[in-house]
Amino acid sequence: MATIERRIILASQSPYRRVLLSRLTAKFSVIAANIDESPVAGESPANLATRLATSKATAIATLNPDAVVIGSDQVAALGERVLGKPGNAANAAAQLTACSGQTVNFYSAVTVLCRELGFTESHTDITSVRFRDLTRAEIDAYLQLDEPWDCAGSFKSEAHAPLLFESIENKDPSGLIGLPIIWLGNCLRRAGIQLLT
């Protein structure tokens, strides 16, 4: 595929994904995709993340067929139970209490789409986070530090959350933050985007 200059659009309003994508390129714009993010009955956490990432990319690519559009979504799950963004301290404390001593899987899905090129690729990065046995005092102290109300799983891995963990297993550390940039960088090159110029 020939290397040509194309617009890159991040179809996400997440400030975390914006920072991660800026590690690959400064040349992108952000357009939030307003889609229904409700899970479908019986849908696994991994399938939910993939469907939402693809829906976001498709919604924005339909209006911008010449652009390379990046749709992404992350779903945190304790077993099959989806852990959403807590929104407040009480919900965050309840989530972290449930996660104490448990393993939580984070499914970070990405779809890259360019209608004009007929290019579509999807990927889901899986990160397994094993939590220590946490006391309520530790949970409360952590929440005061990071205030992770807008983070699935109720923690910010790039801040003080490692204090809560026993271990992390993944192939791409950026996947836990919400956008696996190792895979994404390679995918953008396959789409004809030259990143190291």
N, C-alpha and C. Protein backbone atom coordinates (compact mmCIF):
# COMPACT_ATOMS: atom_id res chain seq x y z
N MET A 1 0.85 -1.18 0.00
CA MET A 1 0.00 0.00 0.00
C MET A 1 0.89 1.24 0.00
N ALA A 2 0.64 2.17 -0.88
CA ALA A 2 1.46 3.37 -0.99
C ALA A 2 1.27 4.27 0.23
N THR A 3 2.35 4.90 0.63
CA THR A 3 2.29 5.83 1.75
C THR A 3 1.80 7.18 1.26
N ILE A 4 0.67 7.62 1.78
CA ILE A 4 0.12 8.92 1.40
C ILE A 4 -0.31 9.66 2.66
N GLU A 5 -0.50 10.94 2.51
CA GLU A 5 -0.91 11.78 3.65
C GLU A 5 -2.42 11.69 3.82
N ARG A 6 -2.86 11.15 4.92
CA ARG A 6 -4.30 11.05 5.20
C ARG A 6 -4.59 11.62 6.57
N ARG A 7 -5.78 12.17 6.71
CA ARG A 7 -6.22 12.63 8.03
C ARG A 7 -6.40 11.43 8.94
N ILE A 8 -6.05 11.61 10.20
CA ILE A 8 -6.29 10.60 11.21
C ILE A 8 -7.29 11.19 12.20
N ILE A 9 -8.33 10.42 12.48
CA ILE A 9 -9.36 10.87 13.43
C ILE A 9 -9.48 9.84 14.54
N LEU A 10 -9.39 10.31 15.77
CA LEU A 10 -9.64 9.47 16.94
C LEU A 10 -11.11 9.62 17.30
N ALA A 11 -11.86 8.53 17.19
CA ALA A 11 -13.30 8.56 17.45
C ALA A 11 -13.56 8.26 18.93
N SER A 12 -13.02 9.10 19.78
CA SER A 12 -13.15 8.89 21.22
C SER A 12 -12.96 10.21 21.93
N GLN A 13 -13.71 10.42 23.00
CA GLN A 13 -13.54 11.64 23.78
C GLN A 13 -12.64 11.42 24.99
N SER A 14 -12.05 10.24 25.09
CA SER A 14 -11.20 9.92 26.24
C SER A 14 -9.90 10.73 26.21
N PRO A 15 -9.63 11.49 27.27
CA PRO A 15 -8.36 12.22 27.31
C PRO A 15 -7.16 11.27 27.41
N TYR A 16 -7.37 10.08 27.98
CA TYR A 16 -6.29 9.11 28.10
C TYR A 16 -5.87 8.58 26.73
N ARG A 17 -6.86 8.28 25.89
CA ARG A 17 -6.54 7.81 24.54
C ARG A 17 -5.87 8.90 23.70
N ARG A 18 -6.31 10.13 23.91
CA ARG A 18 -5.71 11.26 23.19
C ARG A 18 -4.22 11.36 23.51
N VAL A 19 -3.87 11.24 24.79
CA VAL A 19 -2.46 11.31 25.19
C VAL A 19 -1.68 10.13 24.61
N LEU A 20 -2.27 8.94 24.64
CA LEU A 20 -1.58 7.77 24.10
C LEU A 20 -1.35 7.90 22.60
N LEU A 21 -2.37 8.34 21.85
CA LEU A 21 -2.21 8.48 20.41
C LEU A 21 -1.15 9.53 20.08
N SER A 22 -1.03 10.55 20.92
CA SER A 22 -0.02 11.59 20.66
C SER A 22 1.40 11.05 20.77
N ARG A 23 1.58 9.86 21.36
CA ARG A 23 2.90 9.23 21.37
C ARG A 23 3.27 8.72 19.97
N LEU A 24 2.27 8.44 19.14
CA LEU A 24 2.51 7.95 17.79
C LEU A 24 2.58 9.07 16.78
N THR A 25 1.69 10.07 16.92
CA THR A 25 1.63 11.16 15.97
C THR A 25 0.95 12.38 16.60
N ALA A 26 1.38 13.55 16.18
CA ALA A 26 0.71 14.78 16.61
C ALA A 26 -0.37 15.18 15.63
N LYS A 27 -0.41 14.51 14.48
CA LYS A 27 -1.32 14.90 13.39
C LYS A 27 -2.60 14.07 13.45
N PHE A 28 -3.49 14.45 14.36
CA PHE A 28 -4.80 13.79 14.40
C PHE A 28 -5.81 14.77 14.99
N SER A 29 -7.06 14.50 14.67
CA SER A 29 -8.15 15.26 15.26
C SER A 29 -9.02 14.31 16.06
N VAL A 30 -9.88 14.88 16.87
CA VAL A 30 -10.76 14.09 17.74
C VAL A 30 -12.20 14.43 17.42
N ILE A 31 -12.99 13.40 17.14
CA ILE A 31 -14.43 13.56 16.97
C ILE A 31 -15.10 12.47 17.79
N ALA A 32 -15.83 12.85 18.79
CA ALA A 32 -16.51 11.86 19.63
C ALA A 32 -17.64 11.20 18.85
N ALA A 33 -17.71 9.90 18.94
CA ALA A 33 -18.79 9.14 18.31
C ALA A 33 -19.89 8.93 19.33
N ASN A 34 -21.03 9.51 19.10
CA ASN A 34 -22.15 9.37 20.03
C ASN A 34 -22.96 8.14 19.66
N ILE A 35 -22.58 7.02 20.26
CA ILE A 35 -23.27 5.76 19.98
C ILE A 35 -23.87 5.23 21.29
N ASP A 36 -24.81 4.31 21.13
CA ASP A 36 -25.40 3.64 22.29
C ASP A 36 -24.39 2.60 22.78
N GLU A 37 -23.92 2.74 24.01
CA GLU A 37 -22.92 1.83 24.54
C GLU A 37 -23.51 0.75 25.44
N SER A 38 -24.82 0.57 25.37
CA SER A 38 -25.48 -0.44 26.20
C SER A 38 -25.06 -1.84 25.75
N PRO A 39 -24.77 -2.72 26.71
CA PRO A 39 -24.44 -4.10 26.33
C PRO A 39 -25.66 -4.84 25.81
N VAL A 40 -25.41 -5.81 24.96
CA VAL A 40 -26.46 -6.68 24.44
C VAL A 40 -26.56 -7.88 25.38
N ALA A 41 -27.77 -8.37 25.61
CA ALA A 41 -27.97 -9.51 26.52
C ALA A 41 -27.10 -10.68 26.09
N GLY A 42 -26.35 -11.22 27.04
CA GLY A 42 -25.52 -12.38 26.78
C GLY A 42 -24.18 -12.07 26.13
N GLU A 43 -23.91 -10.79 25.90
CA GLU A 43 -22.66 -10.40 25.23
C GLU A 43 -21.49 -10.48 26.20
N SER A 44 -20.41 -11.11 25.78
CA SER A 44 -19.23 -11.21 26.64
C SER A 44 -18.53 -9.86 26.73
N PRO A 45 -17.76 -9.62 27.78
CA PRO A 45 -17.02 -8.36 27.88
C PRO A 45 -16.11 -8.10 26.67
N ALA A 46 -15.43 -9.13 26.18
CA ALA A 46 -14.55 -8.96 25.02
C ALA A 46 -15.34 -8.56 23.78
N ASN A 47 -16.47 -9.21 23.55
CA ASN A 47 -17.29 -8.88 22.38
C ASN A 47 -17.91 -7.49 22.51
N LEU A 48 -18.26 -7.09 23.72
CA LEU A 48 -18.79 -5.75 23.94
C LEU A 48 -17.75 -4.70 23.55
N ALA A 49 -16.52 -4.88 24.02
CA ALA A 49 -15.45 -3.92 23.71
C ALA A 49 -15.22 -3.83 22.21
N THR A 50 -15.17 -4.97 21.53
CA THR A 50 -14.94 -4.99 20.08
C THR A 50 -16.08 -4.32 19.33
N ARG A 51 -17.32 -4.64 19.73
CA ARG A 51 -18.47 -4.05 19.04
C ARG A 51 -18.49 -2.53 19.20
N LEU A 52 -18.21 -2.04 20.40
CA LEU A 52 -18.23 -0.60 20.63
C LEU A 52 -17.11 0.11 19.86
N ALA A 53 -15.92 -0.48 19.84
CA ALA A 53 -14.81 0.12 19.10
C ALA A 53 -15.15 0.22 17.61
N THR A 54 -15.73 -0.85 17.07
CA THR A 54 -16.08 -0.87 15.65
C THR A 54 -17.22 0.09 15.36
N SER A 55 -18.19 0.17 16.26
CA SER A 55 -19.32 1.10 16.07
C SER A 55 -18.84 2.55 16.06
N LYS A 56 -17.91 2.89 16.95
CA LYS A 56 -17.37 4.25 16.99
C LYS A 56 -16.63 4.58 15.68
N ALA A 57 -15.77 3.66 15.25
CA ALA A 57 -15.01 3.89 14.02
C ALA A 57 -15.95 4.02 12.82
N THR A 58 -16.94 3.16 12.75
CA THR A 58 -17.88 3.18 11.62
C THR A 58 -18.68 4.47 11.58
N ALA A 59 -19.15 4.93 12.74
CA ALA A 59 -19.95 6.16 12.78
C ALA A 59 -19.18 7.36 12.25
N ILE A 60 -17.91 7.49 12.63
CA ILE A 60 -17.11 8.63 12.20
C ILE A 60 -16.60 8.45 10.76
N ALA A 61 -16.24 7.22 10.39
CA ALA A 61 -15.74 6.96 9.03
C ALA A 61 -16.82 7.17 7.98
N THR A 62 -18.07 6.93 8.32
CA THR A 62 -19.16 7.15 7.38
C THR A 62 -19.23 8.61 6.96
N LEU A 63 -18.94 9.51 7.88
CA LEU A 63 -18.96 10.95 7.59
C LEU A 63 -17.63 11.48 7.07
N ASN A 64 -16.57 10.67 7.21
CA ASN A 64 -15.22 11.07 6.79
C ASN A 64 -14.57 9.91 6.03
N PRO A 65 -15.07 9.59 4.84
CA PRO A 65 -14.62 8.37 4.16
C PRO A 65 -13.16 8.38 3.72
N ASP A 66 -12.54 9.56 3.62
CA ASP A 66 -11.14 9.64 3.20
C ASP A 66 -10.17 9.52 4.36
N ALA A 67 -10.66 9.60 5.59
CA ALA A 67 -9.79 9.61 6.77
C ALA A 67 -9.55 8.21 7.30
N VAL A 68 -8.45 8.07 8.02
CA VAL A 68 -8.19 6.84 8.78
C VAL A 68 -8.74 7.10 10.18
N VAL A 69 -9.76 6.33 10.54
CA VAL A 69 -10.48 6.55 11.79
C VAL A 69 -10.13 5.45 12.79
N ILE A 70 -9.87 5.88 14.02
CA ILE A 70 -9.52 4.96 15.09
C ILE A 70 -10.66 4.95 16.10
N GLY A 71 -11.33 3.82 16.22
CA GLY A 71 -12.35 3.65 17.24
C GLY A 71 -11.80 2.74 18.33
N SER A 72 -12.07 3.08 19.58
CA SER A 72 -11.54 2.26 20.67
C SER A 72 -12.51 2.26 21.84
N ASP A 73 -12.50 1.16 22.56
CA ASP A 73 -13.29 1.07 23.78
C ASP A 73 -12.62 0.08 24.72
N GLN A 74 -12.80 0.29 25.99
CA GLN A 74 -12.24 -0.63 26.99
C GLN A 74 -13.34 -1.10 27.92
N VAL A 75 -13.35 -2.40 28.18
CA VAL A 75 -14.30 -2.99 29.11
C VAL A 75 -13.50 -3.72 30.18
N ALA A 76 -13.76 -3.40 31.43
CA ALA A 76 -13.16 -4.10 32.56
C ALA A 76 -14.16 -5.12 33.07
N ALA A 77 -13.66 -6.31 33.39
CA ALA A 77 -14.59 -7.36 33.83
C ALA A 77 -13.99 -8.18 34.97
N LEU A 78 -14.81 -8.40 35.98
CA LEU A 78 -14.49 -9.31 37.07
C LEU A 78 -15.28 -10.57 36.76
N GLY A 79 -14.61 -11.56 36.19
CA GLY A 79 -15.32 -12.70 35.62
C GLY A 79 -16.09 -12.20 34.41
N GLU A 80 -17.40 -12.41 34.40
CA GLU A 80 -18.24 -11.89 33.31
C GLU A 80 -18.96 -10.61 33.71
N ARG A 81 -18.73 -10.14 34.94
CA ARG A 81 -19.37 -8.91 35.42
C ARG A 81 -18.59 -7.70 34.92
N VAL A 82 -19.25 -6.86 34.14
CA VAL A 82 -18.62 -5.66 33.60
C VAL A 82 -18.54 -4.59 34.69
N LEU A 83 -17.33 -4.02 34.84
CA LEU A 83 -17.11 -2.94 35.80
C LEU A 83 -17.07 -1.62 35.03
N GLY A 84 -18.11 -0.84 35.14
CA GLY A 84 -18.16 0.43 34.42
C GLY A 84 -17.38 1.51 35.13
N LYS A 85 -17.47 2.72 34.62
CA LYS A 85 -16.87 3.88 35.28
C LYS A 85 -17.68 4.17 36.53
N PRO A 86 -17.04 4.28 37.68
CA PRO A 86 -17.82 4.38 38.93
C PRO A 86 -18.61 5.69 39.07
N GLY A 87 -18.05 6.81 38.62
CA GLY A 87 -18.76 8.07 38.70
C GLY A 87 -18.65 8.79 40.04
N ASN A 88 -18.45 8.04 41.12
CA ASN A 88 -18.33 8.68 42.43
C ASN A 88 -17.57 7.77 43.39
N ALA A 89 -17.26 8.30 44.57
CA ALA A 89 -16.43 7.58 45.53
C ALA A 89 -17.09 6.32 46.06
N ALA A 90 -18.38 6.37 46.31
CA ALA A 90 -19.07 5.19 46.86
C ALA A 90 -19.03 4.02 45.89
N ASN A 91 -19.31 4.29 44.62
CA ASN A 91 -19.27 3.22 43.62
C ASN A 91 -17.84 2.71 43.42
N ALA A 92 -16.87 3.62 43.44
CA ALA A 92 -15.48 3.21 43.27
C ALA A 92 -15.03 2.32 44.43
N ALA A 93 -15.41 2.68 45.64
CA ALA A 93 -15.06 1.86 46.80
C ALA A 93 -15.69 0.48 46.71
N ALA A 94 -16.93 0.42 46.25
CA ALA A 94 -17.60 -0.87 46.09
C ALA A 94 -16.89 -1.73 45.04
N GLN A 95 -16.48 -1.10 43.92
CA GLN A 95 -15.76 -1.86 42.89
C GLN A 95 -14.44 -2.40 43.41
N LEU A 96 -13.67 -1.55 44.07
CA LEU A 96 -12.36 -1.99 44.55
C LEU A 96 -12.50 -3.05 45.65
N THR A 97 -13.54 -2.95 46.45
CA THR A 97 -13.80 -3.99 47.46
C THR A 97 -14.07 -5.32 46.78
N ALA A 98 -14.87 -5.30 45.71
CA ALA A 98 -15.16 -6.54 44.96
C ALA A 98 -13.91 -7.09 44.29
N CYS A 99 -12.98 -6.20 43.87
CA CYS A 99 -11.77 -6.62 43.17
C CYS A 99 -10.67 -7.11 44.11
N SER A 100 -10.78 -6.81 45.40
CA SER A 100 -9.76 -7.19 46.37
C SER A 100 -9.47 -8.69 46.31
N GLY A 101 -8.20 -9.04 46.09
CA GLY A 101 -7.79 -10.44 46.02
C GLY A 101 -8.20 -11.16 44.75
N GLN A 102 -8.75 -10.43 43.79
CA GLN A 102 -9.26 -11.03 42.55
C GLN A 102 -8.46 -10.57 41.34
N THR A 103 -8.72 -11.23 40.21
CA THR A 103 -8.12 -10.83 38.93
C THR A 103 -9.19 -10.18 38.07
N VAL A 104 -8.89 -9.00 37.57
CA VAL A 104 -9.79 -8.26 36.68
C VAL A 104 -9.16 -8.22 35.29
N ASN A 105 -9.93 -8.56 34.27
CA ASN A 105 -9.45 -8.50 32.90
C ASN A 105 -9.94 -7.22 32.24
N PHE A 106 -9.02 -6.56 31.55
CA PHE A 106 -9.33 -5.34 30.80
C PHE A 106 -9.21 -5.65 29.32
N TYR A 107 -10.32 -5.48 28.60
CA TYR A 107 -10.37 -5.73 27.16
C TYR A 107 -10.32 -4.38 26.46
N SER A 108 -9.19 -4.06 25.85
CA SER A 108 -9.01 -2.79 25.15
C SER A 108 -9.07 -3.06 23.65
N ALA A 109 -10.21 -2.73 23.06
CA ALA A 109 -10.45 -3.03 21.65
C ALA A 109 -10.20 -1.81 20.79
N VAL A 110 -9.65 -2.03 19.60
CA VAL A 110 -9.38 -0.96 18.64
C VAL A 110 -9.83 -1.42 17.26
N THR A 111 -10.50 -0.53 16.53
CA THR A 111 -10.80 -0.74 15.12
C THR A 111 -10.27 0.45 14.34
N VAL A 112 -9.49 0.17 13.29
CA VAL A 112 -8.98 1.20 12.39
C VAL A 112 -9.67 1.00 11.06
N LEU A 113 -10.25 2.10 10.55
CA LEU A 113 -11.11 1.99 9.38
C LEU A 113 -10.88 3.17 8.45
N CYS A 114 -10.73 2.89 7.15
CA CYS A 114 -10.71 3.94 6.12
C CYS A 114 -11.58 3.46 4.96
N ARG A 115 -12.73 4.08 4.80
CA ARG A 115 -13.67 3.65 3.77
C ARG A 115 -13.09 3.78 2.37
N GLU A 116 -12.40 4.88 2.12
CA GLU A 116 -11.86 5.13 0.78
C GLU A 116 -10.84 4.06 0.37
N LEU A 117 -10.07 3.58 1.34
CA LEU A 117 -9.08 2.53 1.07
C LEU A 117 -9.67 1.13 1.15
N GLY A 118 -10.85 1.00 1.71
CA GLY A 118 -11.40 -0.33 1.97
C GLY A 118 -10.60 -1.05 3.05
N PHE A 119 -10.07 -0.28 3.99
CA PHE A 119 -9.19 -0.82 5.04
C PHE A 119 -9.94 -0.93 6.36
N THR A 120 -9.92 -2.11 6.94
CA THR A 120 -10.48 -2.32 8.28
C THR A 120 -9.66 -3.37 9.01
N GLU A 121 -9.21 -3.04 10.19
CA GLU A 121 -8.56 -4.02 11.06
C GLU A 121 -9.02 -3.79 12.48
N SER A 122 -9.16 -4.88 13.22
CA SER A 122 -9.57 -4.79 14.63
C SER A 122 -8.64 -5.65 15.48
N HIS A 123 -8.52 -5.25 16.73
CA HIS A 123 -7.65 -5.96 17.66
C HIS A 123 -8.18 -5.73 19.08
N THR A 124 -8.05 -6.75 19.91
CA THR A 124 -8.38 -6.58 21.32
C THR A 124 -7.19 -7.00 22.17
N ASP A 125 -6.70 -6.07 22.96
CA ASP A 125 -5.59 -6.32 23.87
C ASP A 125 -6.19 -6.69 25.23
N ILE A 126 -5.66 -7.73 25.84
CA ILE A 126 -6.18 -8.18 27.13
C ILE A 126 -5.11 -7.99 28.20
N THR A 127 -5.47 -7.29 29.25
CA THR A 127 -4.59 -7.10 30.40
C THR A 127 -5.26 -7.71 31.62
N SER A 128 -4.52 -8.56 32.33
CA SER A 128 -5.03 -9.17 33.57
C SER A 128 -4.35 -8.51 34.76
N VAL A 129 -5.17 -7.94 35.63
CA VAL A 129 -4.67 -7.25 36.82
C VAL A 129 -5.08 -8.06 38.05
N ARG A 130 -4.09 -8.50 38.80
CA ARG A 130 -4.34 -9.21 40.05
C ARG A 130 -4.22 -8.23 41.21
N PHE A 131 -5.31 -8.06 41.96
CA PHE A 131 -5.32 -7.14 43.08
C PHE A 131 -4.83 -7.82 44.37
N ARG A 132 -4.14 -7.08 45.19
CA ARG A 132 -3.80 -7.54 46.53
C ARG A 132 -5.09 -7.64 47.35
N ASP A 133 -5.01 -8.29 48.49
CA ASP A 133 -6.11 -8.22 49.45
C ASP A 133 -6.06 -6.82 50.05
N LEU A 134 -7.10 -6.05 49.83
CA LEU A 134 -7.11 -4.64 50.21
C LEU A 134 -7.97 -4.40 51.45
N THR A 135 -7.51 -3.52 52.31
CA THR A 135 -8.33 -3.10 53.44
C THR A 135 -9.17 -1.91 53.01
N ARG A 136 -10.23 -1.64 53.75
CA ARG A 136 -11.06 -0.48 53.44
C ARG A 136 -10.28 0.82 53.60
N ALA A 137 -9.37 0.85 54.58
CA ALA A 137 -8.55 2.05 54.78
C ALA A 137 -7.65 2.29 53.57
N GLU A 138 -7.08 1.23 53.00
CA GLU A 138 -6.23 1.37 51.81
C GLU A 138 -7.05 1.86 50.62
N ILE A 139 -8.24 1.31 50.47
CA ILE A 139 -9.12 1.72 49.36
C ILE A 139 -9.46 3.20 49.49
N ASP A 140 -9.86 3.62 50.68
CA ASP A 140 -10.23 5.02 50.88
C ASP A 140 -9.05 5.95 50.64
N ALA A 141 -7.86 5.55 51.12
CA ALA A 141 -6.66 6.38 50.93
C ALA A 141 -6.32 6.48 49.44
N TYR A 142 -6.44 5.36 48.73
CA TYR A 142 -6.15 5.39 47.29
C TYR A 142 -7.12 6.31 46.56
N LEU A 143 -8.40 6.20 46.86
CA LEU A 143 -9.41 7.00 46.16
C LEU A 143 -9.19 8.49 46.39
N GLN A 144 -8.71 8.87 47.56
CA GLN A 144 -8.41 10.27 47.81
C GLN A 144 -7.24 10.75 46.96
N LEU A 145 -6.29 9.86 46.68
CA LEU A 145 -5.12 10.21 45.87
C LEU A 145 -5.48 10.43 44.40
N ASP A 146 -6.19 9.45 43.81
CA ASP A 146 -6.36 9.45 42.34
C ASP A 146 -7.73 9.87 41.84
N GLU A 147 -8.76 9.81 42.70
CA GLU A 147 -10.12 10.16 42.29
C GLU A 147 -10.47 9.58 40.91
N PRO A 148 -10.48 8.26 40.77
CA PRO A 148 -10.64 7.61 39.47
C PRO A 148 -12.10 7.42 39.04
N TRP A 149 -12.89 8.46 39.17
CA TRP A 149 -14.33 8.34 38.93
C TRP A 149 -14.64 8.07 37.45
N ASP A 150 -13.74 8.44 36.55
CA ASP A 150 -14.00 8.25 35.12
C ASP A 150 -13.23 7.07 34.54
N CYS A 151 -12.78 6.15 35.40
CA CYS A 151 -11.97 5.02 34.94
C CYS A 151 -12.67 3.70 35.24
N ALA A 152 -12.82 2.88 34.19
CA ALA A 152 -13.37 1.53 34.38
C ALA A 152 -12.47 0.76 35.34
N GLY A 153 -13.08 0.13 36.34
CA GLY A 153 -12.31 -0.60 37.33
C GLY A 153 -11.90 0.23 38.53
N SER A 154 -12.15 1.54 38.46
CA SER A 154 -11.93 2.45 39.59
C SER A 154 -10.46 2.64 39.96
N PHE A 155 -9.58 2.68 38.96
CA PHE A 155 -8.20 3.01 39.26
C PHE A 155 -7.53 3.63 38.04
N LYS A 156 -6.43 4.34 38.30
CA LYS A 156 -5.59 4.93 37.25
C LYS A 156 -4.23 4.25 37.30
N SER A 157 -3.97 3.37 36.33
CA SER A 157 -2.72 2.61 36.37
C SER A 157 -1.50 3.50 36.19
N GLU A 158 -1.68 4.66 35.54
CA GLU A 158 -0.56 5.56 35.31
C GLU A 158 -0.28 6.45 36.52
N ALA A 159 -1.08 6.32 37.57
CA ALA A 159 -0.88 7.13 38.77
C ALA A 159 -0.49 6.21 39.94
N HIS A 160 -1.31 6.17 41.00
CA HIS A 160 -0.95 5.44 42.22
C HIS A 160 -1.51 4.02 42.29
N ALA A 161 -2.26 3.58 41.28
CA ALA A 161 -2.92 2.28 41.33
C ALA A 161 -1.97 1.09 41.52
N PRO A 162 -0.71 1.13 41.04
CA PRO A 162 0.16 -0.02 41.31
C PRO A 162 0.29 -0.39 42.79
N LEU A 163 -0.03 0.56 43.67
CA LEU A 163 -0.03 0.25 45.10
C LEU A 163 -1.09 -0.78 45.46
N LEU A 164 -2.08 -0.96 44.58
CA LEU A 164 -3.18 -1.89 44.84
C LEU A 164 -2.92 -3.29 44.27
N PHE A 165 -1.90 -3.42 43.44
CA PHE A 165 -1.76 -4.62 42.62
C PHE A 165 -0.76 -5.63 43.19
N GLU A 166 -1.03 -6.88 42.84
CA GLU A 166 -0.07 -7.96 43.07
C GLU A 166 0.71 -8.21 41.78
N SER A 167 0.02 -8.12 40.63
CA SER A 167 0.70 -8.33 39.35
C SER A 167 -0.16 -7.81 38.20
N ILE A 168 0.52 -7.57 37.06
CA ILE A 168 -0.14 -7.20 35.81
C ILE A 168 0.45 -8.07 34.71
N GLU A 169 -0.41 -8.64 33.89
CA GLU A 169 0.05 -9.43 32.75
C GLU A 169 -0.56 -8.87 31.48
N ASN A 170 0.31 -8.48 30.53
CA ASN A 170 -0.16 -8.01 29.24
C ASN A 170 0.97 -7.98 28.23
N LYS A 171 0.63 -7.73 26.96
CA LYS A 171 1.63 -7.62 25.91
C LYS A 171 1.97 -6.16 25.63
N ASP A 172 1.09 -5.25 26.00
CA ASP A 172 1.28 -3.84 25.69
C ASP A 172 0.81 -3.01 26.89
N PRO A 173 1.74 -2.41 27.64
CA PRO A 173 1.35 -1.66 28.84
C PRO A 173 0.33 -0.55 28.56
N SER A 174 0.35 0.03 27.37
CA SER A 174 -0.60 1.10 27.05
C SER A 174 -2.03 0.59 26.93
N GLY A 175 -2.18 -0.71 26.72
CA GLY A 175 -3.52 -1.29 26.63
C GLY A 175 -4.32 -1.10 27.89
N LEU A 176 -3.66 -1.18 29.03
CA LEU A 176 -4.37 -1.01 30.30
C LEU A 176 -4.89 0.42 30.46
N ILE A 177 -4.19 1.39 29.90
CA ILE A 177 -4.64 2.78 29.98
C ILE A 177 -5.79 3.04 29.00
N GLY A 178 -5.90 2.20 27.95
CA GLY A 178 -7.08 2.32 27.09
C GLY A 178 -6.83 2.31 25.60
N LEU A 179 -5.56 2.26 25.15
CA LEU A 179 -5.28 2.24 23.71
C LEU A 179 -3.96 1.52 23.47
N PRO A 180 -3.99 0.27 22.98
CA PRO A 180 -2.74 -0.47 22.77
C PRO A 180 -1.95 0.08 21.58
N ILE A 181 -0.97 0.93 21.88
CA ILE A 181 -0.31 1.68 20.81
C ILE A 181 0.75 0.86 20.06
N ILE A 182 1.23 -0.24 20.61
CA ILE A 182 2.14 -1.08 19.83
C ILE A 182 1.40 -1.63 18.62
N TRP A 183 0.25 -2.26 18.87
CA TRP A 183 -0.54 -2.78 17.75
C TRP A 183 -1.01 -1.64 16.84
N LEU A 184 -1.46 -0.55 17.44
CA LEU A 184 -2.01 0.55 16.65
C LEU A 184 -0.96 1.15 15.72
N GLY A 185 0.26 1.34 16.22
CA GLY A 185 1.32 1.87 15.37
C GLY A 185 1.56 1.01 14.16
N ASN A 186 1.62 -0.31 14.37
CA ASN A 186 1.81 -1.23 13.25
C ASN A 186 0.63 -1.21 12.29
N CYS A 187 -0.58 -1.10 12.84
CA CYS A 187 -1.78 -1.06 12.00
C CYS A 187 -1.81 0.21 11.15
N LEU A 188 -1.47 1.35 11.74
CA LEU A 188 -1.46 2.59 10.98
C LEU A 188 -0.45 2.53 9.84
N ARG A 189 0.68 1.88 10.06
CA ARG A 189 1.65 1.71 8.96
C ARG A 189 1.05 0.85 7.86
N ARG A 190 0.32 -0.20 8.24
CA ARG A 190 -0.34 -1.04 7.22
C ARG A 190 -1.39 -0.26 6.45
N ALA A 191 -1.96 0.78 7.07
CA ALA A 191 -2.95 1.62 6.41
C ALA A 191 -2.29 2.73 5.57
N GLY A 192 -0.96 2.74 5.53
CA GLY A 192 -0.25 3.70 4.71
C GLY A 192 0.15 4.97 5.42
N ILE A 193 0.04 4.99 6.76
CA ILE A 193 0.44 6.17 7.53
C ILE A 193 1.92 6.02 7.92
N GLN A 194 2.72 7.00 7.53
CA GLN A 194 4.13 7.01 7.90
C GLN A 194 4.29 7.75 9.21
N LEU A 195 4.71 7.05 10.25
CA LEU A 195 4.75 7.65 11.59
C LEU A 195 6.12 8.24 11.93
N LEU A 196 7.17 7.63 11.47
CA LEU A 196 8.51 8.10 11.82
C LEU A 196 9.10 8.92 10.68
N THR A 197 8.60 10.15 10.52
CA THR A 197 9.13 11.05 9.48
C THR A 197 9.46 12.39 10.11
